[in-house]
Amino acid sequence: MRKFVRTYSPFLVYFVCVALAYFLCFYLFPKYNAALAYLGFLIIYTYIDIGVFILGFFMGKIIVKRSIDISFLLCLIYALISFGLMLLIGSLKYVFYDYMYSNFTFTFSIFIESLGDRDSLFVSIGTFISFFIGEIIEYINDKSNS
């Protein structure tokens, strides 16, 4: 378990930063400052369209470099974990944005409904693909150097 935390900690830091950005840009800025909301939406949607692929690729490479022993199956497991975490972040975006001005109770049905959001699925699938490609490229480079 300790190896897993050491290996996967860069992605967990990335996960927390993206969740914080979603909170700021989809809940806090639109609720209290309209000018910052436009800037926040611009930053987040630029990240959704471009940054997901770039950061996912480099996160995949970093994870393989930090890992002591890596296999193809472990690369796939790490990519699937990142896919699940990004789906969770996508559901938070949906909750922050749709329930901004009302009190709500976060239920499992709201989470399932939020999984159908196009942007959330795009971010999750983009992260999964680019993360997995980054891991495989680094895995092949590591095996060819050995």
Protein backbone atom coordinates (compact mmCIF):
# COMPACT_ATOMS: atom_id res chain seq x y z
CA MET A 1 0.00 0.00 0.00
CA ARG A 2 2.87 2.34 0.76
CA LYS A 3 4.33 1.82 -2.73
CA PHE A 4 0.93 2.62 -4.23
CA VAL A 5 0.64 5.89 -2.30
CA ARG A 6 4.22 6.89 -3.20
CA THR A 7 3.64 6.09 -6.84
CA TYR A 8 0.18 7.58 -7.18
CA SER A 9 0.63 10.69 -4.98
CA PRO A 10 1.34 13.09 -7.92
CA PHE A 11 -2.01 12.19 -9.46
CA LEU A 12 -3.78 12.57 -6.12
CA VAL A 13 -2.33 16.09 -5.77
CA TYR A 14 -3.52 16.79 -9.32
CA PHE A 15 -6.97 15.41 -8.38
CA VAL A 16 -7.24 17.76 -5.39
CA CYS A 17 -6.14 20.77 -7.47
CA VAL A 18 -8.72 20.05 -10.17
CA ALA A 19 -11.47 19.54 -7.57
CA LEU A 20 -10.54 22.89 -5.99
CA ALA A 21 -10.56 24.58 -9.40
CA TYR A 22 -14.03 23.14 -10.12
CA PHE A 23 -15.27 24.40 -6.77
CA LEU A 24 -13.89 27.88 -7.40
CA CYS A 25 -14.97 28.18 -11.02
CA PHE A 26 -18.37 26.50 -10.89
CA TYR A 27 -19.55 27.49 -7.42
CA LEU A 28 -17.68 30.28 -5.69
CA PHE A 29 -16.88 32.69 -8.55
CA PRO A 30 -20.34 32.61 -10.20
CA LYS A 31 -22.06 32.99 -6.85
CA TYR A 32 -20.10 36.02 -5.67
CA ASN A 33 -18.37 37.69 -8.62
CA ALA A 34 -19.64 37.56 -12.22
CA ALA A 35 -16.43 38.94 -13.76
CA LEU A 36 -14.33 36.22 -12.16
CA ALA A 37 -16.91 33.64 -13.23
CA TYR A 38 -16.27 34.38 -16.92
CA LEU A 39 -12.53 34.08 -16.42
CA GLY A 40 -13.00 30.88 -14.42
CA PHE A 41 -15.20 29.33 -17.13
CA LEU A 42 -12.60 30.26 -19.76
CA ILE A 43 -9.81 28.63 -17.78
CA ILE A 44 -11.76 25.48 -16.90
CA TYR A 45 -13.12 24.89 -20.40
CA THR A 46 -9.67 25.46 -21.91
CA TYR A 47 -8.38 22.86 -19.48
CA ILE A 48 -11.24 20.49 -20.40
CA ASP A 49 -10.53 20.86 -24.13
CA ILE A 50 -6.72 20.87 -24.12
CA GLY A 51 -5.14 20.45 -20.69
CA VAL A 52 -6.68 17.08 -19.93
CA PHE A 53 -4.68 15.39 -22.66
CA ILE A 54 -1.39 17.13 -21.88
CA LEU A 55 -1.52 16.76 -18.09
CA GLY A 56 -2.85 13.21 -18.29
CA PHE A 57 0.04 12.20 -20.54
CA PHE A 58 2.65 13.65 -18.20
CA MET A 59 0.94 12.24 -15.10
CA GLY A 60 1.10 8.78 -16.69
CA LYS A 61 4.82 9.19 -17.38
CA ILE A 62 5.49 10.44 -13.84
CA ILE A 63 3.62 7.51 -12.27
CA VAL A 64 5.67 4.94 -14.20
CA LYS A 65 8.93 6.73 -13.36
CA ARG A 66 8.06 6.78 -9.65
CA SER A 67 7.06 3.13 -9.62
CA ILE A 68 9.62 0.56 -8.57
CA ASP A 69 8.24 -2.34 -10.55
CA ILE A 70 5.60 -1.79 -13.21
CA SER A 71 3.74 -4.12 -15.53
CA PHE A 72 1.22 -3.65 -18.30
CA LEU A 73 -1.60 -4.75 -15.99
CA LEU A 74 -0.53 -2.25 -13.33
CA CYS A 75 -0.49 0.51 -15.98
CA LEU A 76 -4.05 -0.39 -16.90
CA ILE A 77 -5.14 -0.44 -13.24
CA TYR A 78 -3.61 3.00 -12.61
CA ALA A 79 -5.34 4.37 -15.71
CA LEU A 80 -8.69 2.93 -14.59
CA ILE A 81 -8.25 4.47 -11.14
CA SER A 82 -7.56 7.84 -12.76
CA PHE A 83 -10.68 7.38 -14.91
CA GLY A 84 -12.78 6.80 -11.81
CA LEU A 85 -11.33 9.78 -9.98
CA MET A 86 -11.99 12.04 -12.94
CA LEU A 87 -15.60 10.80 -13.08
CA LEU A 88 -15.89 11.78 -9.43
CA ILE A 89 -14.54 15.24 -10.20
CA GLY A 90 -16.97 15.53 -13.10
CA SER A 91 -19.86 14.79 -10.78
CA LEU A 92 -18.66 17.52 -8.45
CA LYS A 93 -18.69 19.99 -11.33
CA TYR A 94 -22.27 19.07 -12.08
CA VAL A 95 -23.30 19.42 -8.45
CA PHE A 96 -21.53 22.77 -7.98
CA TYR A 97 -22.94 24.22 -11.17
CA ASP A 98 -26.55 23.00 -11.01
CA TYR A 99 -27.14 23.45 -7.30
CA MET A 100 -25.32 26.75 -6.90
CA TYR A 101 -28.20 28.77 -5.46
CA SER A 102 -30.07 26.11 -3.52
CA ASN A 103 -29.42 23.79 -0.65
CA PHE A 104 -29.16 20.20 -1.73
CA THR A 105 -28.42 16.77 -0.43
CA PHE A 106 -25.87 14.85 -2.45
CA THR A 107 -27.43 11.48 -3.15
CA PHE A 108 -26.37 8.50 -5.20
CA SER A 109 -29.01 9.29 -7.83
CA ILE A 110 -27.53 12.78 -8.33
CA PHE A 111 -24.11 11.18 -8.76
CA ILE A 112 -25.44 8.71 -11.37
CA GLU A 113 -27.23 11.54 -13.19
CA SER A 114 -24.04 13.61 -13.23
CA LEU A 115 -22.10 10.81 -14.92
CA GLY A 116 -24.06 11.51 -18.09
CA ASP A 117 -22.62 15.04 -18.36
CA ARG A 118 -20.76 15.38 -21.68
CA ASP A 119 -17.91 17.46 -20.25
CA SER A 120 -17.35 15.04 -17.37
CA LEU A 121 -17.20 12.07 -19.70
CA PHE A 122 -14.87 13.94 -22.07
CA VAL A 123 -12.49 14.80 -19.23
CA SER A 124 -12.59 11.25 -17.82
CA ILE A 125 -12.06 9.48 -21.13
CA GLY A 126 -9.40 12.01 -22.19
CA THR A 127 -7.54 11.51 -18.94
CA PHE A 128 -7.81 7.72 -19.21
CA ILE A 129 -6.47 7.62 -22.79
CA SER A 130 -3.67 10.15 -22.36
CA PHE A 131 -2.70 8.75 -18.95
CA PHE A 132 -2.53 5.22 -20.35
CA ILE A 133 -0.53 6.35 -23.42
CA GLY A 134 1.95 8.17 -21.16
CA GLU A 135 2.32 5.08 -18.99
CA ILE A 136 2.81 2.74 -21.94
CA ILE A 137 5.40 4.99 -23.59
CA GLU A 138 7.38 5.25 -20.36
CA TYR A 139 6.95 1.49 -19.74
CA ILE A 140 8.35 0.69 -23.22
CA ASN A 141 11.24 3.14 -22.75
CA ASP A 142 12.02 1.59 -19.36
CA LYS A 143 11.96 -1.97 -20.76
CA SER A 144 14.12 -1.04 -23.76
CA ASN A 145 16.72 0.65 -21.51
CA SER A 146 16.92 -2.37 -19.20
